[in-house]
PDB file of N, CA and C in Angstrom:
ATOM      1  N   UNK A   1       9.284 -10.172  19.614  1.00  0.00           N
ATOM      2  CA  UNK A   1       8.014  -9.633  19.190  1.00  0.00           C
ATOM      3  C   UNK A   1       7.673  -8.357  19.971  1.00  0.00           C
ATOM      4  N   UNK A   2       8.042  -8.310  21.241  1.00  0.00           N
ATOM      5  CA  UNK A   2       7.749  -7.127  22.051  1.00  0.00           C
ATOM      6  C   UNK A   2       8.458  -5.889  21.501  1.00  0.00           C
ATOM      7  N   UNK A   3       9.683  -6.067  21.020  1.00  0.00           N
ATOM      8  CA  UNK A   3      10.427  -4.942  20.462  1.00  0.00           C
ATOM      9  C   UNK A   3       9.704  -4.394  19.232  1.00  0.00           C
ATOM     10  N   UNK A   4       9.223  -5.302  18.394  1.00  0.00           N
ATOM     11  CA  UNK A   4       8.496  -4.894  17.192  1.00  0.00           C
ATOM     12  C   UNK A   4       7.209  -4.165  17.569  1.00  0.00           C
ATOM     13  N   UNK A   5       6.498  -4.680  18.555  1.00  0.00           N
ATOM     14  CA  UNK A   5       5.272  -4.018  19.027  1.00  0.00           C
ATOM     15  C   UNK A   5       5.576  -2.602  19.528  1.00  0.00           C
ATOM     16  N   UNK A   6       6.656  -2.470  20.270  1.00  0.00           N
ATOM     17  CA  UNK A   6       7.038  -1.155  20.787  1.00  0.00           C
ATOM     18  C   UNK A   6       7.390  -0.183  19.666  1.00  0.00           C
ATOM     19  N   UNK A   7       8.038  -0.686  18.637  1.00  0.00           N
ATOM     20  CA  UNK A   7       8.384   0.156  17.489  1.00  0.00           C
ATOM     21  C   UNK A   7       7.127   0.640  16.771  1.00  0.00           C
ATOM     22  N   UNK A   8       6.148  -0.233  16.666  1.00  0.00           N
ATOM     23  CA  UNK A   8       4.890   0.146  16.014  1.00  0.00           C
ATOM     24  C   UNK A   8       4.166   1.197  16.854  1.00  0.00           C
ATOM     25  N   UNK A   9       4.164   1.028  18.158  1.00  0.00           N
ATOM     26  CA  UNK A   9       3.535   2.032  19.031  1.00  0.00           C
ATOM     27  C   UNK A   9       4.241   3.372  18.899  1.00  0.00           C
ATOM     28  N   UNK A  10       5.554   3.337  18.841  1.00  0.00           N
ATOM     29  CA  UNK A  10       6.319   4.585  18.681  1.00  0.00           C
ATOM     30  C   UNK A  10       5.975   5.239  17.343  1.00  0.00           C
ATOM     31  N   UNK A  11       5.862   4.430  16.291  1.00  0.00           N
ATOM     32  CA  UNK A  11       5.508   4.953  14.974  1.00  0.00           C
ATOM     33  C   UNK A  11       4.125   5.601  15.009  1.00  0.00           C
ATOM     34  N   UNK A  12       3.209   5.005  15.749  1.00  0.00           N
ATOM     35  CA  UNK A  12       1.865   5.581  15.878  1.00  0.00           C
ATOM     36  C   UNK A  12       1.900   6.901  16.640  1.00  0.00           C
ATOM     37  N   UNK A  13       2.766   6.995  17.624  1.00  0.00           N
ATOM     38  CA  UNK A  13       2.871   8.225  18.404  1.00  0.00           C
ATOM     39  C   UNK A  13       3.392   9.397  17.571  1.00  0.00           C
ATOM     40  N   UNK A  14       4.201   9.114  16.569  1.00  0.00           N
ATOM     41  CA  UNK A  14       4.730  10.180  15.715  1.00  0.00           C
ATOM     42  C   UNK A  14       3.645  10.826  14.866  1.00  0.00           C
ATOM     43  N   UNK A  15       2.560  10.094  14.620  1.00  0.00           N
ATOM     44  CA  UNK A  15       1.518  10.593  13.725  1.00  0.00           C
ATOM     45  C   UNK A  15       0.966  11.933  14.197  1.00  0.00           C
ATOM     46  N   UNK A  16       0.811  12.098  15.498  1.00  0.00           N
ATOM     47  CA  UNK A  16       0.222  13.350  15.999  1.00  0.00           C
ATOM     48  C   UNK A  16       1.115  14.566  15.740  1.00  0.00           C
ATOM     49  N   UNK A  17       2.371  14.339  15.399  1.00  0.00           N
ATOM     50  CA  UNK A  17       3.304  15.429  15.141  1.00  0.00           C
ATOM     51  C   UNK A  17       3.492  15.706  13.644  1.00  0.00           C
ATOM     52  N   UNK A  18       2.790  14.957  12.801  1.00  0.00           N
ATOM     53  CA  UNK A  18       2.919  15.149  11.362  1.00  0.00           C
ATOM     54  C   UNK A  18       2.372  16.503  10.950  1.00  0.00           C
ATOM     55  N   UNK A  19       3.088  17.138  10.069  1.00  0.00           N
ATOM     56  CA  UNK A  19       2.619  18.361   9.428  1.00  0.00           C
ATOM     57  C   UNK A  19       2.852  18.162   7.944  1.00  0.00           C
ATOM     58  N   UNK A  20       1.769  18.191   7.195  1.00  0.00           N
ATOM     59  CA  UNK A  20       1.920  17.986   5.773  1.00  0.00           C
ATOM     60  C   UNK A  20       0.856  18.765   5.011  1.00  0.00           C
ATOM     61  N   UNK A  21       1.118  18.971   3.750  1.00  0.00           N
ATOM     62  CA  UNK A  21       0.204  19.684   2.864  1.00  0.00           C
ATOM     63  C   UNK A  21      -0.678  18.649   2.175  1.00  0.00           C
ATOM     64  N   UNK A  22      -1.954  18.632   2.523  1.00  0.00           N
ATOM     65  CA  UNK A  22      -2.849  17.624   1.966  1.00  0.00           C
ATOM     66  C   UNK A  22      -3.101  17.817   0.475  1.00  0.00           C
ATOM     67  N   UNK A  23      -2.676  18.939  -0.069  1.00  0.00           N
ATOM     68  CA  UNK A  23      -2.805  19.160  -1.511  1.00  0.00           C
ATOM     69  C   UNK A  23      -1.576  18.662  -2.271  1.00  0.00           C
ATOM     70  N   UNK A  24      -0.543  18.328  -1.553  1.00  0.00           N
ATOM     71  CA  UNK A  24       0.704  17.859  -2.149  1.00  0.00           C
ATOM     72  C   UNK A  24       0.673  16.331  -2.259  1.00  0.00           C
ATOM     73  N   UNK A  25       0.704  15.827  -3.486  1.00  0.00           N
ATOM     74  CA  UNK A  25       0.599  14.374  -3.675  1.00  0.00           C
ATOM     75  C   UNK A  25       1.784  13.640  -3.052  1.00  0.00           C
ATOM     76  N   UNK A  26       2.959  14.264  -3.022  1.00  0.00           N
ATOM     77  CA  UNK A  26       4.121  13.623  -2.397  1.00  0.00           C
ATOM     78  C   UNK A  26       3.851  13.411  -0.909  1.00  0.00           C
ATOM     79  N   UNK A  27       3.352  14.426  -0.248  1.00  0.00           N
ATOM     80  CA  UNK A  27       3.034  14.308   1.180  1.00  0.00           C
ATOM     81  C   UNK A  27       1.958  13.257   1.416  1.00  0.00           C
ATOM     82  N   UNK A  28       0.896  13.309   0.613  1.00  0.00           N
ATOM     83  CA  UNK A  28      -0.199  12.349   0.792  1.00  0.00           C
ATOM     84  C   UNK A  28       0.285  10.914   0.614  1.00  0.00           C
ATOM     85  N   UNK A  29       1.110  10.690  -0.403  1.00  0.00           N
ATOM     86  CA  UNK A  29       1.620   9.333  -0.641  1.00  0.00           C
ATOM     87  C   UNK A  29       2.543   8.869   0.482  1.00  0.00           C
ATOM     88  N   UNK A  30       3.383   9.774   0.974  1.00  0.00           N
ATOM     89  CA  UNK A  30       4.259   9.405   2.093  1.00  0.00           C
ATOM     90  C   UNK A  30       3.449   9.019   3.327  1.00  0.00           C
ATOM     91  N   UNK A  31       2.439   9.812   3.638  1.00  0.00           N
ATOM     92  CA  UNK A  31       1.601   9.525   4.803  1.00  0.00           C
ATOM     93  C   UNK A  31       0.855   8.209   4.601  1.00  0.00           C
ATOM     94  N   UNK A  32       0.301   8.012   3.418  1.00  0.00           N
ATOM     95  CA  UNK A  32      -0.437   6.773   3.145  1.00  0.00           C
ATOM     96  C   UNK A  32       0.473   5.554   3.289  1.00  0.00           C
ATOM     97  N   UNK A  33       1.693   5.659   2.795  1.00  0.00           N
ATOM     98  CA  UNK A  33       2.626   4.535   2.906  1.00  0.00           C
ATOM     99  C   UNK A  33       3.050   4.320   4.360  1.00  0.00           C
ATOM    100  N   UNK A  34       3.279   5.400   5.087  1.00  0.00           N
ATOM    101  CA  UNK A  34       3.649   5.295   6.500  1.00  0.00           C
ATOM    102  C   UNK A  34       2.548   4.567   7.271  1.00  0.00           C
ATOM    103  N   UNK A  35       1.309   4.977   7.032  1.00  0.00           N
ATOM    104  CA  UNK A  35       0.186   4.344   7.712  1.00  0.00           C
ATOM    105  C   UNK A  35      -0.002   2.892   7.264  1.00  0.00           C
ATOM    106  N   UNK A  36       0.298   2.620   6.009  1.00  0.00           N
ATOM    107  CA  UNK A  36       0.241   1.237   5.518  1.00  0.00           C
ATOM    108  C   UNK A  36       1.250   0.365   6.255  1.00  0.00           C
ATOM    109  N   UNK A  37       2.433   0.904   6.475  1.00  0.00           N
ATOM    110  CA  UNK A  37       3.456   0.149   7.207  1.00  0.00           C
ATOM    111  C   UNK A  37       2.969  -0.200   8.615  1.00  0.00           C
ATOM    112  N   UNK A  38       2.334   0.749   9.267  1.00  0.00           N
ATOM    113  CA  UNK A  38       1.800   0.494  10.604  1.00  0.00           C
ATOM    114  C   UNK A  38       0.696  -0.556  10.542  1.00  0.00           C
ATOM    115  N   UNK A  39      -0.203  -0.404   9.582  1.00  0.00           N
ATOM    116  CA  UNK A  39      -1.345  -1.334   9.461  1.00  0.00           C
ATOM    117  C   UNK A  39      -0.868  -2.753   9.146  1.00  0.00           C
ATOM    118  N   UNK A  40       0.044  -2.892   8.200  1.00  0.00           N
ATOM    119  CA  UNK A  40       0.565  -4.227   7.869  1.00  0.00           C
ATOM    120  C   UNK A  40       1.295  -4.834   9.060  1.00  0.00           C
ATOM    121  N   UNK A  41       2.044  -4.024   9.763  1.00  0.00           N
ATOM    122  CA  UNK A  41       2.767  -4.517  10.939  1.00  0.00           C
ATOM    123  C   UNK A  41       1.805  -5.007  12.007  1.00  0.00           C
ATOM    124  N   UNK A  42       0.768  -4.231  12.234  1.00  0.00           N
ATOM    125  CA  UNK A  42      -0.242  -4.621  13.206  1.00  0.00           C
ATOM    126  C   UNK A  42      -0.921  -5.932  12.792  1.00  0.00           C
ATOM    127  N   UNK A  43      -1.210  -6.060  11.511  1.00  0.00           N
ATOM    128  CA  UNK A  43      -1.824  -7.294  11.006  1.00  0.00           C
ATOM    129  C   UNK A  43      -0.892  -8.487  11.192  1.00  0.00           C
ATOM    130  N   UNK A  44       0.400  -8.280  10.911  1.00  0.00           N
ATOM    131  CA  UNK A  44       1.365  -9.369  11.104  1.00  0.00           C
ATOM    132  C   UNK A  44       1.420  -9.819  12.557  1.00  0.00           C
ATOM    133  N   UNK A  45       1.469  -8.881  13.450  1.00  0.00           N
ATOM    134  CA  UNK A  45       1.509  -9.215  14.879  1.00  0.00           C
ATOM    135  C   UNK A  45       0.265 -10.008  15.261  1.00  0.00           C
ATOM    136  N   UNK A  46      -0.878  -9.546  14.808  1.00  0.00           N
ATOM    137  CA  UNK A  46      -2.135 -10.219  15.106  1.00  0.00           C
ATOM    138  C   UNK A  46      -2.153 -11.646  14.549  1.00  0.00           C
ATOM    139  N   UNK A  47      -1.715 -11.796  13.317  1.00  0.00           N
ATOM    140  CA  UNK A  47      -1.685 -13.135  12.707  1.00  0.00           C
ATOM    141  C   UNK A  47      -0.749 -14.075  13.448  1.00  0.00           C
ATOM    142  N   UNK A  48       0.408 -13.587  13.805  1.00  0.00           N
ATOM    143  CA  UNK A  48       1.391 -14.434  14.494  1.00  0.00           C
ATOM    144  C   UNK A  48       0.911 -14.807  15.885  1.00  0.00           C
ATOM    145  N   UNK A  49       0.381 -13.832  16.603  1.00  0.00           N
ATOM    146  CA  UNK A  49      -0.084 -14.111  17.964  1.00  0.00           C
ATOM    147  C   UNK A  49      -1.279 -15.066  17.987  1.00  0.00           C
ATOM    148  N   UNK A  50      -2.082 -15.043  16.925  1.00  0.00           N
ATOM    149  CA  UNK A  50      -3.238 -15.926  16.848  1.00  0.00           C
ATOM    150  C   UNK A  50      -2.964 -17.194  16.038  1.00  0.00           C
ATOM    151  N   UNK A  51      -1.684 -17.419  15.766  1.00  0.00           N
ATOM    152  CA  UNK A  51      -1.219 -18.620  15.073  1.00  0.00           C
ATOM    153  C   UNK A  51      -1.943 -18.848  13.751  1.00  0.00           C
ATOM    154  N   UNK A  52      -2.086 -17.786  12.993  1.00  0.00           N
ATOM    155  CA  UNK A  52      -2.691 -17.837  11.652  1.00  0.00           C
ATOM    156  C   UNK A  52      -1.586 -17.633  10.623  1.00  0.00           C
ATOM    157  N   UNK A  53      -0.615 -18.499  10.659  1.00  0.00           N
ATOM    158  CA  UNK A  53       0.623 -18.294   9.911  1.00  0.00           C
ATOM    159  C   UNK A  53       0.477 -18.417   8.399  1.00  0.00           C
ATOM    160  N   UNK A  54      -0.597 -18.978   7.904  1.00  0.00           N
ATOM    161  CA  UNK A  54      -0.737 -19.150   6.459  1.00  0.00           C
ATOM    162  C   UNK A  54      -0.757 -17.800   5.723  1.00  0.00           C
ATOM    163  N   UNK A  55      -1.279 -16.765   6.365  1.00  0.00           N
ATOM    164  CA  UNK A  55      -1.390 -15.457   5.722  1.00  0.00           C
ATOM    165  C   UNK A  55      -0.165 -14.566   5.941  1.00  0.00           C
ATOM    166  N   UNK A  56       0.729 -14.975   6.803  1.00  0.00           N
ATOM    167  CA  UNK A  56       1.887 -14.138   7.132  1.00  0.00           C
ATOM    168  C   UNK A  56       2.714 -13.764   5.898  1.00  0.00           C
ATOM    169  N   UNK A  57       3.062 -14.710   5.011  1.00  0.00           N
ATOM    170  CA  UNK A  57       3.872 -14.318   3.852  1.00  0.00           C
ATOM    171  C   UNK A  57       3.198 -13.287   2.946  1.00  0.00           C
ATOM    172  N   UNK A  58       1.887 -13.388   2.797  1.00  0.00           N
ATOM    173  CA  UNK A  58       1.161 -12.451   1.942  1.00  0.00           C
ATOM    174  C   UNK A  58       1.212 -11.038   2.528  1.00  0.00           C
ATOM    175  N   UNK A  59       0.940 -10.930   3.812  1.00  0.00           N
ATOM    176  CA  UNK A  59       0.957  -9.620   4.469  1.00  0.00           C
ATOM    177  C   UNK A  59       2.389  -9.091   4.535  1.00  0.00           C
ATOM    178  N   UNK A  60       3.347  -9.978   4.785  1.00  0.00           N
ATOM    179  CA  UNK A  60       4.741  -9.554   4.873  1.00  0.00           C
ATOM    180  C   UNK A  60       5.227  -9.005   3.534  1.00  0.00           C
ATOM    181  N   UNK A  61       4.822  -9.646   2.445  1.00  0.00           N
ATOM    182  CA  UNK A  61       5.218  -9.147   1.125  1.00  0.00           C
ATOM    183  C   UNK A  61       4.650  -7.735   0.901  1.00  0.00           C
ATOM    184  N   UNK A  62       3.390  -7.538   1.275  1.00  0.00           N
ATOM    185  CA  UNK A  62       2.777  -6.212   1.140  1.00  0.00           C
ATOM    186  C   UNK A  62       3.515  -5.190   2.001  1.00  0.00           C
ATOM    187  N   UNK A  63       3.915  -5.599   3.183  1.00  0.00           N
ATOM    188  CA  UNK A  63       4.685  -4.732   4.067  1.00  0.00           C
ATOM    189  C   UNK A  63       6.005  -4.334   3.410  1.00  0.00           C
ATOM    190  N   UNK A  64       6.689  -5.295   2.842  1.00  0.00           N
ATOM    191  CA  UNK A  64       7.969  -5.005   2.180  1.00  0.00           C
ATOM    192  C   UNK A  64       7.786  -4.082   0.981  1.00  0.00           C
ATOM    193  N   UNK A  65       6.733  -4.322   0.195  1.00  0.00           N
ATOM    194  CA  UNK A  65       6.484  -3.460  -0.959  1.00  0.00           C
ATOM    195  C   UNK A  65       6.183  -2.022  -0.513  1.00  0.00           C
ATOM    196  N   UNK A  66       5.398  -1.882   0.545  1.00  0.00           N
ATOM    197  CA  UNK A  66       5.102  -0.547   1.067  1.00  0.00           C
ATOM    198  C   UNK A  66       6.368   0.117   1.591  1.00  0.00           C
ATOM    199  N   UNK A  67       7.230  -0.661   2.236  1.00  0.00           N
ATOM    200  CA  UNK A  67       8.487  -0.115   2.757  1.00  0.00           C
ATOM    201  C   UNK A  67       9.380   0.382   1.616  1.00  0.00           C
ATOM    202  N   UNK A  68       9.500  -0.420   0.566  1.00  0.00           N
ATOM    203  CA  UNK A  68      10.340  -0.031  -0.572  1.00  0.00           C
ATOM    204  C   UNK A  68       9.803   1.250  -1.204  1.00  0.00           C
ATOM    205  N   UNK A  69       8.488   1.310  -1.394  1.00  0.00           N
ATOM    206  CA  UNK A  69       7.895   2.521  -1.955  1.00  0.00           C
ATOM    207  C   UNK A  69       8.104   3.714  -1.031  1.00  0.00           C
ATOM    208  N   UNK A  70       7.917   3.514   0.271  1.00  0.00           N
ATOM    209  CA  UNK A  70       8.109   4.596   1.235  1.00  0.00           C
ATOM    210  C   UNK A  70       9.547   5.100   1.195  1.00  0.00           C
ATOM    211  N   UNK A  71      10.501   4.192   1.233  1.00  0.00           N
ATOM    212  CA  UNK A  71      11.916   4.571   1.226  1.00  0.00           C
ATOM    213  C   UNK A  71      12.285   5.295  -0.072  1.00  0.00           C
ATOM    214  N   UNK A  72      11.871   4.733  -1.199  1.00  0.00           N
ATOM    215  CA  UNK A  72      12.189   5.355  -2.482  1.00  0.00           C
ATOM    216  C   UNK A  72      11.539   6.728  -2.626  1.00  0.00           C
ATOM    217  N   UNK A  73      10.278   6.842  -2.209  1.00  0.00           N
ATOM    218  CA  UNK A  73       9.581   8.108  -2.315  1.00  0.00           C
ATOM    219  C   UNK A  73      10.175   9.156  -1.378  1.00  0.00           C
ATOM    220  N   UNK A  74      10.576   8.738  -0.200  1.00  0.00           N
ATOM    221  CA  UNK A  74      11.153   9.694   0.742  1.00  0.00           C
ATOM    222  C   UNK A  74      12.511  10.213   0.265  1.00  0.00           C
ATOM    223  N   UNK A  75      13.201   9.417  -0.529  1.00  0.00           N
ATOM    224  CA  UNK A  75      14.518   9.827  -1.025  1.00  0.00           C
ATOM    225  C   UNK A  75      14.459  10.545  -2.369  1.00  0.00           C
ATOM    226  N   UNK A  76      13.350  10.351  -3.104  1.00  0.00           N
ATOM    227  CA  UNK A  76      13.255  10.931  -4.442  1.00  0.00           C
ATOM    228  C   UNK A  76      11.794  11.235  -4.761  1.00  0.00           C
ATOM    229  N   UNK A  77      11.454  12.516  -4.786  1.00  0.00           N
ATOM    230  CA  UNK A  77      10.065  12.909  -5.062  1.00  0.00           C
ATOM    231  C   UNK A  77       9.596  12.402  -6.416  1.00  0.00           C
ATOM    232  N   UNK A  78      10.499  12.294  -7.372  1.00  0.00           N
ATOM    233  CA  UNK A  78      10.131  11.841  -8.716  1.00  0.00           C
ATOM    234  C   UNK A  78       9.657  10.389  -8.710  1.00  0.00           C
ATOM    235  N   UNK A  79      10.000   9.634  -7.681  1.00  0.00           N
ATOM    236  CA  UNK A  79       9.548   8.243  -7.584  1.00  0.00           C
ATOM    237  C   UNK A  79       8.020   8.178  -7.573  1.00  0.00           C
ATOM    238  N   UNK A  80       7.385   9.214  -7.077  1.00  0.00           N
ATOM    239  CA  UNK A  80       5.923   9.268  -7.065  1.00  0.00           C
ATOM    240  C   UNK A  80       5.339   9.187  -8.465  1.00  0.00           C
ATOM    241  N   UNK A  81       6.024   9.778  -9.441  1.00  0.00           N
ATOM    242  CA  UNK A  81       5.555   9.688 -10.824  1.00  0.00           C
ATOM    243  C   UNK A  81       5.607   8.248 -11.311  1.00  0.00           C
ATOM    244  N   UNK A  82       6.637   7.515 -10.904  1.00  0.00           N
ATOM    245  CA  UNK A  82       6.745   6.108 -11.285  1.00  0.00           C
ATOM    246  C   UNK A  82       5.612   5.299 -10.648  1.00  0.00           C
ATOM    247  N   UNK A  83       5.303   5.613  -9.389  1.00  0.00           N
ATOM    248  CA  UNK A  83       4.213   4.921  -8.708  1.00  0.00           C
ATOM    249  C   UNK A  83       2.882   5.179  -9.421  1.00  0.00           C
ATOM    250  N   UNK A  84       2.629   6.434  -9.771  1.00  0.00           N
ATOM    251  CA  UNK A  84       1.378   6.783 -10.440  1.00  0.00           C
ATOM    252  C   UNK A  84       1.308   6.185 -11.840  1.00  0.00           C
ATOM    253  N   UNK A  85       2.436   6.173 -12.544  1.00  0.00           N
ATOM    254  CA  UNK A  85       2.461   5.581 -13.885  1.00  0.00           C
ATOM    255  C   UNK A  85       2.201   4.082 -13.804  1.00  0.00           C
ATOM    256  N   UNK A  86       2.783   3.424 -12.831  1.00  0.00           N
ATOM    257  CA  UNK A  86       2.566   1.994 -12.663  1.00  0.00           C
ATOM    258  C   UNK A  86       1.101   1.699 -12.336  1.00  0.00           C
ATOM    259  N   UNK A  87       0.507   2.523 -11.486  1.00  0.00           N
ATOM    260  CA  UNK A  87      -0.909   2.370 -11.129  1.00  0.00           C
ATOM    261  C   UNK A  87      -1.783   2.508 -12.380  1.00  0.00           C
ATOM    262  N   UNK A  88      -1.518   3.533 -13.178  1.00  0.00           N
ATOM    263  CA  UNK A  88      -2.299   3.754 -14.394  1.00  0.00           C
ATOM    264  C   UNK A  88      -2.094   2.615 -15.387  1.00  0.00           C
ATOM    265  N   UNK A  89      -0.858   2.152 -15.517  1.00  0.00           N
ATOM    266  CA  UNK A  89      -0.557   1.053 -16.436  1.00  0.00           C
ATOM    267  C   UNK A  89      -1.324  -0.206 -16.043  1.00  0.00           C
ATOM    268  N   UNK A  90      -1.366  -0.513 -14.749  1.00  0.00           N
ATOM    269  CA  UNK A  90      -2.085  -1.706 -14.304  1.00  0.00           C
ATOM    270  C   UNK A  90      -3.589  -1.585 -14.542  1.00  0.00           C
ATOM    271  N   UNK A  91      -4.143  -0.388 -14.386  1.00  0.00           N
ATOM    272  CA  UNK A  91      -5.558  -0.190 -14.693  1.00  0.00           C
ATOM    273  C   UNK A  91      -5.816  -0.368 -16.176  1.00  0.00           C
ATOM    274  N   UNK A  92      -4.923   0.136 -17.004  1.00  0.00           N
ATOM    275  CA  UNK A  92      -5.082  -0.037 -18.446  1.00  0.00           C
ATOM    276  C   UNK A  92      -5.058  -1.509 -18.828  1.00  0.00           C
ATOM    277  N   UNK A  93      -4.135  -2.260 -18.218  1.00  0.00           N
ATOM    278  CA  UNK A  93      -4.080  -3.698 -18.489  1.00  0.00           C
ATOM    279  C   UNK A  93      -5.386  -4.369 -18.095  1.00  0.00           C
ATOM    280  N   UNK A  94      -5.924  -4.001 -16.942  1.00  0.00           N
ATOM    281  CA  UNK A  94      -7.184  -4.588 -16.480  1.00  0.00           C
ATOM    282  C   UNK A  94      -8.332  -4.251 -17.425  1.00  0.00           C
ATOM    283  N   UNK A  95      -8.376  -3.001 -17.868  1.00  0.00           N
ATOM    284  CA  UNK A  95      -9.445  -2.592 -18.778  1.00  0.00           C
ATOM    285  C   UNK A  95      -9.322  -3.258 -20.143  1.00  0.00           C
ATOM    286  N   UNK A  96      -8.090  -3.435 -20.612  1.00  0.00           N
ATOM    287  CA  UNK A  96      -7.888  -4.144 -21.873  1.00  0.00           C
ATOM    288  C   UNK A  96      -8.365  -5.588 -21.759  1.00  0.00           C
ATOM    289  N   UNK A  97      -8.034  -6.224 -20.657  1.00  0.00           N
ATOM    290  CA  UNK A  97      -8.476  -7.600 -20.421  1.00  0.00           C
ATOM    291  C   UNK A  97      -9.997  -7.646 -20.306  1.00  0.00           C
ATOM    292  N   UNK A  98     -10.560  -6.647 -19.671  1.00  0.00           N
ATOM    293  CA  UNK A  98     -12.018  -6.595 -19.520  1.00  0.00           C
ATOM    294  C   UNK A  98     -12.707  -6.479 -20.874  1.00  0.00           C
ATOM    295  N   UNK A  99     -12.089  -5.755 -21.787  1.00  0.00           N
ATOM    296  CA  UNK A  99     -12.714  -5.555 -23.103  1.00  0.00           C
ATOM    297  C   UNK A  99     -12.765  -6.840 -23.924  1.00  0.00           C
ATOM    298  N   UNK A 100     -12.022  -7.850 -23.543  1.00  0.00           N
ATOM    299  CA  UNK A 100     -12.036  -9.134 -24.261  1.00  0.00           C
ATOM    300  C   UNK A 100     -13.261  -9.974 -23.908  1.00  0.00           C
ATOM    301  N   UNK A 101     -13.963  -9.578 -22.844  1.00  0.00           N
ATOM    302  CA  UNK A 101     -15.182 -10.260 -22.394  1.00  0.00           C
ATOM    303  C   UNK A 101     -14.974 -11.750 -22.091  1.00  0.00           C
ATOM    304  N   UNK A 102     -13.805 -12.120 -21.657  1.00  0.00           N
ATOM    305  CA  UNK A 102     -13.551 -13.518 -21.303  1.00  0.00           C
ATOM    306  C   UNK A 102     -13.682 -13.754 -19.807  1.00  0.00           C
ATOM    307  N   UNK A 103     -13.816 -12.704 -19.065  1.00  0.00           N
ATOM    308  CA  UNK A 103     -13.958 -12.801 -17.617  1.00  0.00           C
ATOM    309  C   UNK A 103     -15.224 -12.054 -17.228  1.00  0.00           C
ATOM    310  N   UNK A 104     -16.142 -12.763 -16.639  1.00  0.00           N
ATOM    311  CA  UNK A 104     -17.455 -12.200 -16.320  1.00  0.00           C
ATOM    312  C   UNK A 104     -17.361 -10.928 -15.463  1.00  0.00           C
ATOM    313  N   UNK A 105     -16.464 -10.917 -14.496  1.00  0.00           N
ATOM    314  CA  UNK A 105     -16.344  -9.762 -13.612  1.00  0.00           C
ATOM    315  C   UNK A 105     -15.678  -8.584 -14.304  1.00  0.00           C
ATOM    316  N   UNK A 106     -14.651  -8.879 -15.084  1.00  0.00           N
ATOM    317  CA  UNK A 106     -14.002  -7.799 -15.828  1.00  0.00           C
ATOM    318  C   UNK A 106     -14.908  -7.267 -16.928  1.00  0.00           C
ATOM    319  N   UNK A 107     -15.739  -8.118 -17.496  1.00  0.00           N
ATOM    320  CA  UNK A 107     -16.679  -7.670 -18.524  1.00  0.00           C
ATOM    321  C   UNK A 107     -17.638  -6.637 -17.941  1.00  0.00           C
ATOM    322  N   UNK A 108     -18.072  -6.832 -16.716  1.00  0.00           N
ATOM    323  CA  UNK A 108     -18.942  -5.855 -16.052  1.00  0.00           C
ATOM    324  C   UNK A 108     -18.217  -4.526 -15.893  1.00  0.00           C
ATOM    325  N   UNK A 109     -16.924  -4.594 -15.593  1.00  0.00           N
ATOM    326  CA  UNK A 109     -16.120  -3.380 -15.456  1.00  0.00           C
ATOM    327  C   UNK A 109     -16.056  -2.654 -16.799  1.00  0.00           C
ATOM    328  N   UNK A 110     -15.823  -3.409 -17.864  1.00  0.00           N
ATOM    329  CA  UNK A 110     -15.719  -2.812 -19.193  1.00  0.00           C
ATOM    330  C   UNK A 110     -17.039  -2.147 -19.593  1.00  0.00           C
ATOM    331  N   UNK A 111     -18.153  -2.775 -19.255  1.00  0.00           N
ATOM    332  CA  UNK A 111     -19.461  -2.208 -19.599  1.00  0.00           C
ATOM    333  C   UNK A 111     -19.688  -0.885 -18.886  1.00  0.00           C
ATOM    334  N   UNK A 112     -19.164  -0.753 -17.689  1.00  0.00           N
ATOM    335  CA  UNK A 112     -19.342   0.475 -16.908  1.00  0.00           C
ATOM    336  C   UNK A 112     -18.408   1.590 -17.350  1.00  0.00           C
ATOM    337  N   UNK A 113     -17.439   1.311 -18.175  1.00  0.00           N
ATOM    338  CA  UNK A 113     -16.455   2.306 -18.609  1.00  0.00           C
ATOM    339  C   UNK A 113     -16.868   3.023 -19.874  1.00  0.00           C
ATOM    340  N   UNK A 114     -17.970   2.628 -20.460  1.00  0.00           N
ATOM    341  CA  UNK A 114     -18.377   3.265 -21.725  1.00  0.00           C
ATOM    342  C   UNK A 114     -19.236   4.468 -21.494  1.00  0.00           C
TER     343      UNK A 114
END
C-alpha cells in the first residue's frame, strides 16, 4: 500500500509541471482523466485503510474505466470523439426514458427540457 501511496504523491507532484491549452478539448479531457485517476486512487486508499471494503469494487471499476479512457485518449486523439459521442448517446437515452413519464425523477428532467 505504501508503494501505491507514493505513486499517487508522485502523480500529484507532476501536476505543477503541466502545460496545456485549456481551449483544446483533448488536453482538457486528458487532464480531467489524470485527475480522476488520482482522486479514485486516493478514495481507494481511504476506503481500504478505514476498512470500508464494500465500496472498493465500485471505486476500483471507476478507476479502471478512467485508466482505459486515459490510455486510449493519450494514444489516439480521435478517441475523444468516441467519448463525446458515448456521452451524448447516454443523455439521449435518458431523455427518451424521461419522455415516457414512468419515472418521477426522469419526468421532471423531461419537463425541464421543453
